[in-house]
PDBML (XML) file of the C-alpha atoms, coordinates in Angstrom:
<?xml version="1.0" encoding="UTF-8" ?>
<PDBx:datablock datablockName="MODEL"
   xmlns:PDBx="http://pdbml.pdb.org/schema/pdbx-v50.xsd"
   xmlns:xsi="http://www.w3.org/2001/XMLSchema-instance"
   xsi:schemaLocation="http://pdbml.pdb.org/schema/pdbx-v50.xsd pdbx-v50.xsd">
   <PDBx:atom_siteCategory>
      <PDBx:atom_site id="1">
         <PDBx:B_iso_or_equiv>0.00</PDBx:B_iso_or_equiv>
         <PDBx:Cartn_x>-5.978</PDBx:Cartn_x>
         <PDBx:Cartn_y>-4.407</PDBx:Cartn_y>
         <PDBx:Cartn_z>17.551</PDBx:Cartn_z>
         <PDBx:auth_asym_id>A</PDBx:auth_asym_id>
         <PDBx:auth_atom_id>CA</PDBx:auth_atom_id>
         <PDBx:auth_comp_id>HIS</PDBx:auth_comp_id>
         <PDBx:auth_seq_id>1</PDBx:auth_seq_id>
         <PDBx:group_PDB>ATOM</PDBx:group_PDB>
         <PDBx:label_alt_id xsi:nil="true" />
         <PDBx:label_asym_id>A</PDBx:label_asym_id>
         <PDBx:label_atom_id>CA</PDBx:label_atom_id>
         <PDBx:label_comp_id>HIS</PDBx:label_comp_id>
         <PDBx:label_entity_id>1</PDBx:label_entity_id>
         <PDBx:label_seq_id>1</PDBx:label_seq_id>
         <PDBx:occupancy>1.00</PDBx:occupancy>
         <PDBx:pdbx_PDB_model_num>1</PDBx:pdbx_PDB_model_num>
         <PDBx:type_symbol>C</PDBx:type_symbol>
      </PDBx:atom_site>
      <PDBx:atom_site id="2">
         <PDBx:B_iso_or_equiv>0.00</PDBx:B_iso_or_equiv>
         <PDBx:Cartn_x>-3.167</PDBx:Cartn_x>
         <PDBx:Cartn_y>-4.609</PDBx:Cartn_y>
         <PDBx:Cartn_z>15.127</PDBx:Cartn_z>
         <PDBx:auth_asym_id>A</PDBx:auth_asym_id>
         <PDBx:auth_atom_id>CA</PDBx:auth_atom_id>
         <PDBx:auth_comp_id>ALA</PDBx:auth_comp_id>
         <PDBx:auth_seq_id>2</PDBx:auth_seq_id>
         <PDBx:group_PDB>ATOM</PDBx:group_PDB>
         <PDBx:label_alt_id xsi:nil="true" />
         <PDBx:label_asym_id>A</PDBx:label_asym_id>
         <PDBx:label_atom_id>CA</PDBx:label_atom_id>
         <PDBx:label_comp_id>ALA</PDBx:label_comp_id>
         <PDBx:label_entity_id>1</PDBx:label_entity_id>
         <PDBx:label_seq_id>2</PDBx:label_seq_id>
         <PDBx:occupancy>1.00</PDBx:occupancy>
         <PDBx:pdbx_PDB_model_num>1</PDBx:pdbx_PDB_model_num>
         <PDBx:type_symbol>C</PDBx:type_symbol>
      </PDBx:atom_site>
      <PDBx:atom_site id="3">
         <PDBx:B_iso_or_equiv>0.00</PDBx:B_iso_or_equiv>
         <PDBx:Cartn_x>-3.590</PDBx:Cartn_x>
         <PDBx:Cartn_y>-1.978</PDBx:Cartn_y>
         <PDBx:Cartn_z>12.481</PDBx:Cartn_z>
         <PDBx:auth_asym_id>A</PDBx:auth_asym_id>
         <PDBx:auth_atom_id>CA</PDBx:auth_atom_id>
         <PDBx:auth_comp_id>GLY</PDBx:auth_comp_id>
         <PDBx:auth_seq_id>3</PDBx:auth_seq_id>
         <PDBx:group_PDB>ATOM</PDBx:group_PDB>
         <PDBx:label_alt_id xsi:nil="true" />
         <PDBx:label_asym_id>A</PDBx:label_asym_id>
         <PDBx:label_atom_id>CA</PDBx:label_atom_id>
         <PDBx:label_comp_id>GLY</PDBx:label_comp_id>
         <PDBx:label_entity_id>1</PDBx:label_entity_id>
         <PDBx:label_seq_id>3</PDBx:label_seq_id>
         <PDBx:occupancy>1.00</PDBx:occupancy>
         <PDBx:pdbx_PDB_model_num>1</PDBx:pdbx_PDB_model_num>
         <PDBx:type_symbol>C</PDBx:type_symbol>
      </PDBx:atom_site>
      <PDBx:atom_site id="4">
         <PDBx:B_iso_or_equiv>0.00</PDBx:B_iso_or_equiv>
         <PDBx:Cartn_x>-4.751</PDBx:Cartn_x>
         <PDBx:Cartn_y>1.598</PDBx:Cartn_y>
         <PDBx:Cartn_z>12.231</PDBx:Cartn_z>
         <PDBx:auth_asym_id>A</PDBx:auth_asym_id>
         <PDBx:auth_atom_id>CA</PDBx:auth_atom_id>
         <PDBx:auth_comp_id>PRO</PDBx:auth_comp_id>
         <PDBx:auth_seq_id>4</PDBx:auth_seq_id>
         <PDBx:group_PDB>ATOM</PDBx:group_PDB>
         <PDBx:label_alt_id xsi:nil="true" />
         <PDBx:label_asym_id>A</PDBx:label_asym_id>
         <PDBx:label_atom_id>CA</PDBx:label_atom_id>
         <PDBx:label_comp_id>PRO</PDBx:label_comp_id>
         <PDBx:label_entity_id>1</PDBx:label_entity_id>
         <PDBx:label_seq_id>4</PDBx:label_seq_id>
         <PDBx:occupancy>1.00</PDBx:occupancy>
         <PDBx:pdbx_PDB_model_num>1</PDBx:pdbx_PDB_model_num>
         <PDBx:type_symbol>C</PDBx:type_symbol>
      </PDBx:atom_site>
      <PDBx:atom_site id="5">
         <PDBx:B_iso_or_equiv>0.00</PDBx:B_iso_or_equiv>
         <PDBx:Cartn_x>-7.135</PDBx:Cartn_x>
         <PDBx:Cartn_y>2.782</PDBx:Cartn_y>
         <PDBx:Cartn_z>14.829</PDBx:Cartn_z>
         <PDBx:auth_asym_id>A</PDBx:auth_asym_id>
         <PDBx:auth_atom_id>CA</PDBx:auth_atom_id>
         <PDBx:auth_comp_id>VAL</PDBx:auth_comp_id>
         <PDBx:auth_seq_id>5</PDBx:auth_seq_id>
         <PDBx:group_PDB>ATOM</PDBx:group_PDB>
         <PDBx:label_alt_id xsi:nil="true" />
         <PDBx:label_asym_id>A</PDBx:label_asym_id>
         <PDBx:label_atom_id>CA</PDBx:label_atom_id>
         <PDBx:label_comp_id>VAL</PDBx:label_comp_id>
         <PDBx:label_entity_id>1</PDBx:label_entity_id>
         <PDBx:label_seq_id>5</PDBx:label_seq_id>
         <PDBx:occupancy>1.00</PDBx:occupancy>
         <PDBx:pdbx_PDB_model_num>1</PDBx:pdbx_PDB_model_num>
         <PDBx:type_symbol>C</PDBx:type_symbol>
      </PDBx:atom_site>
      <PDBx:atom_site id="6">
         <PDBx:B_iso_or_equiv>0.00</PDBx:B_iso_or_equiv>
         <PDBx:Cartn_x>-10.618</PDBx:Cartn_x>
         <PDBx:Cartn_y>3.410</PDBx:Cartn_y>
         <PDBx:Cartn_z>13.473</PDBx:Cartn_z>
         <PDBx:auth_asym_id>A</PDBx:auth_asym_id>
         <PDBx:auth_atom_id>CA</PDBx:auth_atom_id>
         <PDBx:auth_comp_id>LYS</PDBx:auth_comp_id>
         <PDBx:auth_seq_id>6</PDBx:auth_seq_id>
         <PDBx:group_PDB>ATOM</PDBx:group_PDB>
         <PDBx:label_alt_id xsi:nil="true" />
         <PDBx:label_asym_id>A</PDBx:label_asym_id>
         <PDBx:label_atom_id>CA</PDBx:label_atom_id>
         <PDBx:label_comp_id>LYS</PDBx:label_comp_id>
         <PDBx:label_entity_id>1</PDBx:label_entity_id>
         <PDBx:label_seq_id>6</PDBx:label_seq_id>
         <PDBx:occupancy>1.00</PDBx:occupancy>
         <PDBx:pdbx_PDB_model_num>1</PDBx:pdbx_PDB_model_num>
         <PDBx:type_symbol>C</PDBx:type_symbol>
      </PDBx:atom_site>
      <PDBx:atom_site id="7">
         <PDBx:B_iso_or_equiv>0.00</PDBx:B_iso_or_equiv>
         <PDBx:Cartn_x>-12.855</PDBx:Cartn_x>
         <PDBx:Cartn_y>5.779</PDBx:Cartn_y>
         <PDBx:Cartn_z>15.212</PDBx:Cartn_z>
         <PDBx:auth_asym_id>A</PDBx:auth_asym_id>
         <PDBx:auth_atom_id>CA</PDBx:auth_atom_id>
         <PDBx:auth_comp_id>ARG</PDBx:auth_comp_id>
         <PDBx:auth_seq_id>7</PDBx:auth_seq_id>
         <PDBx:group_PDB>ATOM</PDBx:group_PDB>
         <PDBx:label_alt_id xsi:nil="true" />
         <PDBx:label_asym_id>A</PDBx:label_asym_id>
         <PDBx:label_atom_id>CA</PDBx:label_atom_id>
         <PDBx:label_comp_id>ARG</PDBx:label_comp_id>
         <PDBx:label_entity_id>1</PDBx:label_entity_id>
         <PDBx:label_seq_id>7</PDBx:label_seq_id>
         <PDBx:occupancy>1.00</PDBx:occupancy>
         <PDBx:pdbx_PDB_model_num>1</PDBx:pdbx_PDB_model_num>
         <PDBx:type_symbol>C</PDBx:type_symbol>
      </PDBx:atom_site>
      <PDBx:atom_site id="8">
         <PDBx:B_iso_or_equiv>0.00</PDBx:B_iso_or_equiv>
         <PDBx:Cartn_x>-16.159</PDBx:Cartn_x>
         <PDBx:Cartn_y>4.167</PDBx:Cartn_y>
         <PDBx:Cartn_z>15.710</PDBx:Cartn_z>
         <PDBx:auth_asym_id>A</PDBx:auth_asym_id>
         <PDBx:auth_atom_id>CA</PDBx:auth_atom_id>
         <PDBx:auth_comp_id>PRO</PDBx:auth_comp_id>
         <PDBx:auth_seq_id>8</PDBx:auth_seq_id>
         <PDBx:group_PDB>ATOM</PDBx:group_PDB>
         <PDBx:label_alt_id xsi:nil="true" />
         <PDBx:label_asym_id>A</PDBx:label_asym_id>
         <PDBx:label_atom_id>CA</PDBx:label_atom_id>
         <PDBx:label_comp_id>PRO</PDBx:label_comp_id>
         <PDBx:label_entity_id>1</PDBx:label_entity_id>
         <PDBx:label_seq_id>8</PDBx:label_seq_id>
         <PDBx:occupancy>1.00</PDBx:occupancy>
         <PDBx:pdbx_PDB_model_num>1</PDBx:pdbx_PDB_model_num>
         <PDBx:type_symbol>C</PDBx:type_symbol>
      </PDBx:atom_site>
      <PDBx:atom_site id="9">
         <PDBx:B_iso_or_equiv>0.00</PDBx:B_iso_or_equiv>
         <PDBx:Cartn_x>-19.153</PDBx:Cartn_x>
         <PDBx:Cartn_y>6.154</PDBx:Cartn_y>
         <PDBx:Cartn_z>15.001</PDBx:Cartn_z>
         <PDBx:auth_asym_id>A</PDBx:auth_asym_id>
         <PDBx:auth_atom_id>CA</PDBx:auth_atom_id>
         <PDBx:auth_comp_id>GLN</PDBx:auth_comp_id>
         <PDBx:auth_seq_id>9</PDBx:auth_seq_id>
         <PDBx:group_PDB>ATOM</PDBx:group_PDB>
         <PDBx:label_alt_id xsi:nil="true" />
         <PDBx:label_asym_id>A</PDBx:label_asym_id>
         <PDBx:label_atom_id>CA</PDBx:label_atom_id>
         <PDBx:label_comp_id>GLN</PDBx:label_comp_id>
         <PDBx:label_entity_id>1</PDBx:label_entity_id>
         <PDBx:label_seq_id>9</PDBx:label_seq_id>
         <PDBx:occupancy>1.00</PDBx:occupancy>
         <PDBx:pdbx_PDB_model_num>1</PDBx:pdbx_PDB_model_num>
         <PDBx:type_symbol>C</PDBx:type_symbol>
      </PDBx:atom_site>
      <PDBx:atom_site id="10">
         <PDBx:B_iso_or_equiv>0.00</PDBx:B_iso_or_equiv>
         <PDBx:Cartn_x>-21.072</PDBx:Cartn_x>
         <PDBx:Cartn_y>7.044</PDBx:Cartn_y>
         <PDBx:Cartn_z>18.020</PDBx:Cartn_z>
         <PDBx:auth_asym_id>A</PDBx:auth_asym_id>
         <PDBx:auth_atom_id>CA</PDBx:auth_atom_id>
         <PDBx:auth_comp_id>LYS</PDBx:auth_comp_id>
         <PDBx:auth_seq_id>10</PDBx:auth_seq_id>
         <PDBx:group_PDB>ATOM</PDBx:group_PDB>
         <PDBx:label_alt_id xsi:nil="true" />
         <PDBx:label_asym_id>A</PDBx:label_asym_id>
         <PDBx:label_atom_id>CA</PDBx:label_atom_id>
         <PDBx:label_comp_id>LYS</PDBx:label_comp_id>
         <PDBx:label_entity_id>1</PDBx:label_entity_id>
         <PDBx:label_seq_id>10</PDBx:label_seq_id>
         <PDBx:occupancy>1.00</PDBx:occupancy>
         <PDBx:pdbx_PDB_model_num>1</PDBx:pdbx_PDB_model_num>
         <PDBx:type_symbol>C</PDBx:type_symbol>
      </PDBx:atom_site>
      <PDBx:atom_site id="11">
         <PDBx:B_iso_or_equiv>0.00</PDBx:B_iso_or_equiv>
         <PDBx:Cartn_x>-24.429</PDBx:Cartn_x>
         <PDBx:Cartn_y>5.536</PDBx:Cartn_y>
         <PDBx:Cartn_z>17.834</PDBx:Cartn_z>
         <PDBx:auth_asym_id>A</PDBx:auth_asym_id>
         <PDBx:auth_atom_id>CA</PDBx:auth_atom_id>
         <PDBx:auth_comp_id>THR</PDBx:auth_comp_id>
         <PDBx:auth_seq_id>11</PDBx:auth_seq_id>
         <PDBx:group_PDB>ATOM</PDBx:group_PDB>
         <PDBx:label_alt_id xsi:nil="true" />
         <PDBx:label_asym_id>A</PDBx:label_asym_id>
         <PDBx:label_atom_id>CA</PDBx:label_atom_id>
         <PDBx:label_comp_id>THR</PDBx:label_comp_id>
         <PDBx:label_entity_id>1</PDBx:label_entity_id>
         <PDBx:label_seq_id>11</PDBx:label_seq_id>
         <PDBx:occupancy>1.00</PDBx:occupancy>
         <PDBx:pdbx_PDB_model_num>1</PDBx:pdbx_PDB_model_num>
         <PDBx:type_symbol>C</PDBx:type_symbol>
      </PDBx:atom_site>
      <PDBx:atom_site id="12">
         <PDBx:B_iso_or_equiv>0.00</PDBx:B_iso_or_equiv>
         <PDBx:Cartn_x>-26.908</PDBx:Cartn_x>
         <PDBx:Cartn_y>4.689</PDBx:Cartn_y>
         <PDBx:Cartn_z>20.517</PDBx:Cartn_z>
         <PDBx:auth_asym_id>A</PDBx:auth_asym_id>
         <PDBx:auth_atom_id>CA</PDBx:auth_atom_id>
         <PDBx:auth_comp_id>ALA</PDBx:auth_comp_id>
         <PDBx:auth_seq_id>12</PDBx:auth_seq_id>
         <PDBx:group_PDB>ATOM</PDBx:group_PDB>
         <PDBx:label_alt_id xsi:nil="true" />
         <PDBx:label_asym_id>A</PDBx:label_asym_id>
         <PDBx:label_atom_id>CA</PDBx:label_atom_id>
         <PDBx:label_comp_id>ALA</PDBx:label_comp_id>
         <PDBx:label_entity_id>1</PDBx:label_entity_id>
         <PDBx:label_seq_id>12</PDBx:label_seq_id>
         <PDBx:occupancy>1.00</PDBx:occupancy>
         <PDBx:pdbx_PDB_model_num>1</PDBx:pdbx_PDB_model_num>
         <PDBx:type_symbol>C</PDBx:type_symbol>
      </PDBx:atom_site>
      <PDBx:atom_site id="13">
         <PDBx:B_iso_or_equiv>0.00</PDBx:B_iso_or_equiv>
         <PDBx:Cartn_x>-26.206</PDBx:Cartn_x>
         <PDBx:Cartn_y>0.982</PDBx:Cartn_y>
         <PDBx:Cartn_z>20.232</PDBx:Cartn_z>
         <PDBx:auth_asym_id>A</PDBx:auth_asym_id>
         <PDBx:auth_atom_id>CA</PDBx:auth_atom_id>
         <PDBx:auth_comp_id>ASN</PDBx:auth_comp_id>
         <PDBx:auth_seq_id>13</PDBx:auth_seq_id>
         <PDBx:group_PDB>ATOM</PDBx:group_PDB>
         <PDBx:label_alt_id xsi:nil="true" />
         <PDBx:label_asym_id>A</PDBx:label_asym_id>
         <PDBx:label_atom_id>CA</PDBx:label_atom_id>
         <PDBx:label_comp_id>ASN</PDBx:label_comp_id>
         <PDBx:label_entity_id>1</PDBx:label_entity_id>
         <PDBx:label_seq_id>13</PDBx:label_seq_id>
         <PDBx:occupancy>1.00</PDBx:occupancy>
         <PDBx:pdbx_PDB_model_num>1</PDBx:pdbx_PDB_model_num>
         <PDBx:type_symbol>C</PDBx:type_symbol>
      </PDBx:atom_site>
      <PDBx:atom_site id="14">
         <PDBx:B_iso_or_equiv>0.00</PDBx:B_iso_or_equiv>
         <PDBx:Cartn_x>-22.440</PDBx:Cartn_x>
         <PDBx:Cartn_y>1.176</PDBx:Cartn_y>
         <PDBx:Cartn_z>19.880</PDBx:Cartn_z>
         <PDBx:auth_asym_id>A</PDBx:auth_asym_id>
         <PDBx:auth_atom_id>CA</PDBx:auth_atom_id>
         <PDBx:auth_comp_id>SER</PDBx:auth_comp_id>
         <PDBx:auth_seq_id>14</PDBx:auth_seq_id>
         <PDBx:group_PDB>ATOM</PDBx:group_PDB>
         <PDBx:label_alt_id xsi:nil="true" />
         <PDBx:label_asym_id>A</PDBx:label_asym_id>
         <PDBx:label_atom_id>CA</PDBx:label_atom_id>
         <PDBx:label_comp_id>SER</PDBx:label_comp_id>
         <PDBx:label_entity_id>1</PDBx:label_entity_id>
         <PDBx:label_seq_id>14</PDBx:label_seq_id>
         <PDBx:occupancy>1.00</PDBx:occupancy>
         <PDBx:pdbx_PDB_model_num>1</PDBx:pdbx_PDB_model_num>
         <PDBx:type_symbol>C</PDBx:type_symbol>
      </PDBx:atom_site>
      <PDBx:atom_site id="15">
         <PDBx:B_iso_or_equiv>0.00</PDBx:B_iso_or_equiv>
         <PDBx:Cartn_x>-21.586</PDBx:Cartn_x>
         <PDBx:Cartn_y>1.520</PDBx:Cartn_y>
         <PDBx:Cartn_z>23.612</PDBx:Cartn_z>
         <PDBx:auth_asym_id>A</PDBx:auth_asym_id>
         <PDBx:auth_atom_id>CA</PDBx:auth_atom_id>
         <PDBx:auth_comp_id>PHE</PDBx:auth_comp_id>
         <PDBx:auth_seq_id>15</PDBx:auth_seq_id>
         <PDBx:group_PDB>ATOM</PDBx:group_PDB>
         <PDBx:label_alt_id xsi:nil="true" />
         <PDBx:label_asym_id>A</PDBx:label_asym_id>
         <PDBx:label_atom_id>CA</PDBx:label_atom_id>
         <PDBx:label_comp_id>PHE</PDBx:label_comp_id>
         <PDBx:label_entity_id>1</PDBx:label_entity_id>
         <PDBx:label_seq_id>15</PDBx:label_seq_id>
         <PDBx:occupancy>1.00</PDBx:occupancy>
         <PDBx:pdbx_PDB_model_num>1</PDBx:pdbx_PDB_model_num>
         <PDBx:type_symbol>C</PDBx:type_symbol>
      </PDBx:atom_site>
      <PDBx:atom_site id="16">
         <PDBx:B_iso_or_equiv>0.00</PDBx:B_iso_or_equiv>
         <PDBx:Cartn_x>-22.162</PDBx:Cartn_x>
         <PDBx:Cartn_y>-1.172</PDBx:Cartn_y>
         <PDBx:Cartn_z>26.136</PDBx:Cartn_z>
         <PDBx:auth_asym_id>A</PDBx:auth_asym_id>
         <PDBx:auth_atom_id>CA</PDBx:auth_atom_id>
         <PDBx:auth_comp_id>ALA</PDBx:auth_comp_id>
         <PDBx:auth_seq_id>16</PDBx:auth_seq_id>
         <PDBx:group_PDB>ATOM</PDBx:group_PDB>
         <PDBx:label_alt_id xsi:nil="true" />
         <PDBx:label_asym_id>A</PDBx:label_asym_id>
         <PDBx:label_atom_id>CA</PDBx:label_atom_id>
         <PDBx:label_comp_id>ALA</PDBx:label_comp_id>
         <PDBx:label_entity_id>1</PDBx:label_entity_id>
         <PDBx:label_seq_id>16</PDBx:label_seq_id>
         <PDBx:occupancy>1.00</PDBx:occupancy>
         <PDBx:pdbx_PDB_model_num>1</PDBx:pdbx_PDB_model_num>
         <PDBx:type_symbol>C</PDBx:type_symbol>
      </PDBx:atom_site>
      <PDBx:atom_site id="17">
         <PDBx:B_iso_or_equiv>0.00</PDBx:B_iso_or_equiv>
         <PDBx:Cartn_x>-24.636</PDBx:Cartn_x>
         <PDBx:Cartn_y>-0.320</PDBx:Cartn_y>
         <PDBx:Cartn_z>28.779</PDBx:Cartn_z>
         <PDBx:auth_asym_id>A</PDBx:auth_asym_id>
         <PDBx:auth_atom_id>CA</PDBx:auth_atom_id>
         <PDBx:auth_comp_id>PRO</PDBx:auth_comp_id>
         <PDBx:auth_seq_id>17</PDBx:auth_seq_id>
         <PDBx:group_PDB>ATOM</PDBx:group_PDB>
         <PDBx:label_alt_id xsi:nil="true" />
         <PDBx:label_asym_id>A</PDBx:label_asym_id>
         <PDBx:label_atom_id>CA</PDBx:label_atom_id>
         <PDBx:label_comp_id>PRO</PDBx:label_comp_id>
         <PDBx:label_entity_id>1</PDBx:label_entity_id>
         <PDBx:label_seq_id>17</PDBx:label_seq_id>
         <PDBx:occupancy>1.00</PDBx:occupancy>
         <PDBx:pdbx_PDB_model_num>1</PDBx:pdbx_PDB_model_num>
         <PDBx:type_symbol>C</PDBx:type_symbol>
      </PDBx:atom_site>
      <PDBx:atom_site id="18">
         <PDBx:B_iso_or_equiv>0.00</PDBx:B_iso_or_equiv>
         <PDBx:Cartn_x>-23.183</PDBx:Cartn_x>
         <PDBx:Cartn_y>1.094</PDBx:Cartn_y>
         <PDBx:Cartn_z>31.974</PDBx:Cartn_z>
         <PDBx:auth_asym_id>A</PDBx:auth_asym_id>
         <PDBx:auth_atom_id>CA</PDBx:auth_atom_id>
         <PDBx:auth_comp_id>GLN</PDBx:auth_comp_id>
         <PDBx:auth_seq_id>18</PDBx:auth_seq_id>
         <PDBx:group_PDB>ATOM</PDBx:group_PDB>
         <PDBx:label_alt_id xsi:nil="true" />
         <PDBx:label_asym_id>A</PDBx:label_asym_id>
         <PDBx:label_atom_id>CA</PDBx:label_atom_id>
         <PDBx:label_comp_id>GLN</PDBx:label_comp_id>
         <PDBx:label_entity_id>1</PDBx:label_entity_id>
         <PDBx:label_seq_id>18</PDBx:label_seq_id>
         <PDBx:occupancy>1.00</PDBx:occupancy>
         <PDBx:pdbx_PDB_model_num>1</PDBx:pdbx_PDB_model_num>
         <PDBx:type_symbol>C</PDBx:type_symbol>
      </PDBx:atom_site>
      <PDBx:atom_site id="19">
         <PDBx:B_iso_or_equiv>0.00</PDBx:B_iso_or_equiv>
         <PDBx:Cartn_x>-24.414</PDBx:Cartn_x>
         <PDBx:Cartn_y>-1.857</PDBx:Cartn_y>
         <PDBx:Cartn_z>33.948</PDBx:Cartn_z>
         <PDBx:auth_asym_id>A</PDBx:auth_asym_id>
         <PDBx:auth_atom_id>CA</PDBx:auth_atom_id>
         <PDBx:auth_comp_id>GLU</PDBx:auth_comp_id>
         <PDBx:auth_seq_id>19</PDBx:auth_seq_id>
         <PDBx:group_PDB>ATOM</PDBx:group_PDB>
         <PDBx:label_alt_id xsi:nil="true" />
         <PDBx:label_asym_id>A</PDBx:label_asym_id>
         <PDBx:label_atom_id>CA</PDBx:label_atom_id>
         <PDBx:label_comp_id>GLU</PDBx:label_comp_id>
         <PDBx:label_entity_id>1</PDBx:label_entity_id>
         <PDBx:label_seq_id>19</PDBx:label_seq_id>
         <PDBx:occupancy>1.00</PDBx:occupancy>
         <PDBx:pdbx_PDB_model_num>1</PDBx:pdbx_PDB_model_num>
         <PDBx:type_symbol>C</PDBx:type_symbol>
      </PDBx:atom_site>
      <PDBx:atom_site id="20">
         <PDBx:B_iso_or_equiv>0.00</PDBx:B_iso_or_equiv>
         <PDBx:Cartn_x>-22.402</PDBx:Cartn_x>
         <PDBx:Cartn_y>-4.296</PDBx:Cartn_y>
         <PDBx:Cartn_z>31.788</PDBx:Cartn_z>
         <PDBx:auth_asym_id>A</PDBx:auth_asym_id>
         <PDBx:auth_atom_id>CA</PDBx:auth_atom_id>
         <PDBx:auth_comp_id>ASP</PDBx:auth_comp_id>
         <PDBx:auth_seq_id>20</PDBx:auth_seq_id>
         <PDBx:group_PDB>ATOM</PDBx:group_PDB>
         <PDBx:label_alt_id xsi:nil="true" />
         <PDBx:label_asym_id>A</PDBx:label_asym_id>
         <PDBx:label_atom_id>CA</PDBx:label_atom_id>
         <PDBx:label_comp_id>ASP</PDBx:label_comp_id>
         <PDBx:label_entity_id>1</PDBx:label_entity_id>
         <PDBx:label_seq_id>20</PDBx:label_seq_id>
         <PDBx:occupancy>1.00</PDBx:occupancy>
         <PDBx:pdbx_PDB_model_num>1</PDBx:pdbx_PDB_model_num>
         <PDBx:type_symbol>C</PDBx:type_symbol>
      </PDBx:atom_site>
      <PDBx:atom_site id="21">
         <PDBx:B_iso_or_equiv>0.00</PDBx:B_iso_or_equiv>
         <PDBx:Cartn_x>-19.307</PDBx:Cartn_x>
         <PDBx:Cartn_y>-2.135</PDBx:Cartn_y>
         <PDBx:Cartn_z>32.203</PDBx:Cartn_z>
         <PDBx:auth_asym_id>A</PDBx:auth_asym_id>
         <PDBx:auth_atom_id>CA</PDBx:auth_atom_id>
         <PDBx:auth_comp_id>VAL</PDBx:auth_comp_id>
         <PDBx:auth_seq_id>21</PDBx:auth_seq_id>
         <PDBx:group_PDB>ATOM</PDBx:group_PDB>
         <PDBx:label_alt_id xsi:nil="true" />
         <PDBx:label_asym_id>A</PDBx:label_asym_id>
         <PDBx:label_atom_id>CA</PDBx:label_atom_id>
         <PDBx:label_comp_id>VAL</PDBx:label_comp_id>
         <PDBx:label_entity_id>1</PDBx:label_entity_id>
         <PDBx:label_seq_id>21</PDBx:label_seq_id>
         <PDBx:occupancy>1.00</PDBx:occupancy>
         <PDBx:pdbx_PDB_model_num>1</PDBx:pdbx_PDB_model_num>
         <PDBx:type_symbol>C</PDBx:type_symbol>
      </PDBx:atom_site>
      <PDBx:atom_site id="22">
         <PDBx:B_iso_or_equiv>0.00</PDBx:B_iso_or_equiv>
         <PDBx:Cartn_x>-19.779</PDBx:Cartn_x>
         <PDBx:Cartn_y>-2.082</PDBx:Cartn_y>
         <PDBx:Cartn_z>35.965</PDBx:Cartn_z>
         <PDBx:auth_asym_id>A</PDBx:auth_asym_id>
         <PDBx:auth_atom_id>CA</PDBx:auth_atom_id>
         <PDBx:auth_comp_id>ASN</PDBx:auth_comp_id>
         <PDBx:auth_seq_id>22</PDBx:auth_seq_id>
         <PDBx:group_PDB>ATOM</PDBx:group_PDB>
         <PDBx:label_alt_id xsi:nil="true" />
         <PDBx:label_asym_id>A</PDBx:label_asym_id>
         <PDBx:label_atom_id>CA</PDBx:label_atom_id>
         <PDBx:label_comp_id>ASN</PDBx:label_comp_id>
         <PDBx:label_entity_id>1</PDBx:label_entity_id>
         <PDBx:label_seq_id>22</PDBx:label_seq_id>
         <PDBx:occupancy>1.00</PDBx:occupancy>
         <PDBx:pdbx_PDB_model_num>1</PDBx:pdbx_PDB_model_num>
         <PDBx:type_symbol>C</PDBx:type_symbol>
      </PDBx:atom_site>
      <PDBx:atom_site id="23">
         <PDBx:B_iso_or_equiv>0.00</PDBx:B_iso_or_equiv>
         <PDBx:Cartn_x>-20.217</PDBx:Cartn_x>
         <PDBx:Cartn_y>-5.856</PDBx:Cartn_y>
         <PDBx:Cartn_z>36.052</PDBx:Cartn_z>
         <PDBx:auth_asym_id>A</PDBx:auth_asym_id>
         <PDBx:auth_atom_id>CA</PDBx:auth_atom_id>
         <PDBx:auth_comp_id>VAL</PDBx:auth_comp_id>
         <PDBx:auth_seq_id>23</PDBx:auth_seq_id>
         <PDBx:group_PDB>ATOM</PDBx:group_PDB>
         <PDBx:label_alt_id xsi:nil="true" />
         <PDBx:label_asym_id>A</PDBx:label_asym_id>
         <PDBx:label_atom_id>CA</PDBx:label_atom_id>
         <PDBx:label_comp_id>VAL</PDBx:label_comp_id>
         <PDBx:label_entity_id>1</PDBx:label_entity_id>
         <PDBx:label_seq_id>23</PDBx:label_seq_id>
         <PDBx:occupancy>1.00</PDBx:occupancy>
         <PDBx:pdbx_PDB_model_num>1</PDBx:pdbx_PDB_model_num>
         <PDBx:type_symbol>C</PDBx:type_symbol>
      </PDBx:atom_site>
      <PDBx:atom_site id="24">
         <PDBx:B_iso_or_equiv>0.00</PDBx:B_iso_or_equiv>
         <PDBx:Cartn_x>-17.104</PDBx:Cartn_x>
         <PDBx:Cartn_y>-6.260</PDBx:Cartn_y>
         <PDBx:Cartn_z>33.927</PDBx:Cartn_z>
         <PDBx:auth_asym_id>A</PDBx:auth_asym_id>
         <PDBx:auth_atom_id>CA</PDBx:auth_atom_id>
         <PDBx:auth_comp_id>LEU</PDBx:auth_comp_id>
         <PDBx:auth_seq_id>24</PDBx:auth_seq_id>
         <PDBx:group_PDB>ATOM</PDBx:group_PDB>
         <PDBx:label_alt_id xsi:nil="true" />
         <PDBx:label_asym_id>A</PDBx:label_asym_id>
         <PDBx:label_atom_id>CA</PDBx:label_atom_id>
         <PDBx:label_comp_id>LEU</PDBx:label_comp_id>
         <PDBx:label_entity_id>1</PDBx:label_entity_id>
         <PDBx:label_seq_id>24</PDBx:label_seq_id>
         <PDBx:occupancy>1.00</PDBx:occupancy>
         <PDBx:pdbx_PDB_model_num>1</PDBx:pdbx_PDB_model_num>
         <PDBx:type_symbol>C</PDBx:type_symbol>
      </PDBx:atom_site>
      <PDBx:atom_site id="25">
         <PDBx:B_iso_or_equiv>0.00</PDBx:B_iso_or_equiv>
         <PDBx:Cartn_x>-15.116</PDBx:Cartn_x>
         <PDBx:Cartn_y>-3.876</PDBx:Cartn_y>
         <PDBx:Cartn_z>36.120</PDBx:Cartn_z>
         <PDBx:auth_asym_id>A</PDBx:auth_asym_id>
         <PDBx:auth_atom_id>CA</PDBx:auth_atom_id>
         <PDBx:auth_comp_id>MET</PDBx:auth_comp_id>
         <PDBx:auth_seq_id>25</PDBx:auth_seq_id>
         <PDBx:group_PDB>ATOM</PDBx:group_PDB>
         <PDBx:label_alt_id xsi:nil="true" />
         <PDBx:label_asym_id>A</PDBx:label_asym_id>
         <PDBx:label_atom_id>CA</PDBx:label_atom_id>
         <PDBx:label_comp_id>MET</PDBx:label_comp_id>
         <PDBx:label_entity_id>1</PDBx:label_entity_id>
         <PDBx:label_seq_id>25</PDBx:label_seq_id>
         <PDBx:occupancy>1.00</PDBx:occupancy>
         <PDBx:pdbx_PDB_model_num>1</PDBx:pdbx_PDB_model_num>
         <PDBx:type_symbol>C</PDBx:type_symbol>
      </PDBx:atom_site>
   </PDBx:atom_siteCategory>
</PDBx:datablock>
């Protein structure tokens, strides 16, 4: 992104499930 990097808050819903990441990879 253009702009300052924001640190997202780690929440249970904020990360994609591992299965979606594997499919994407």
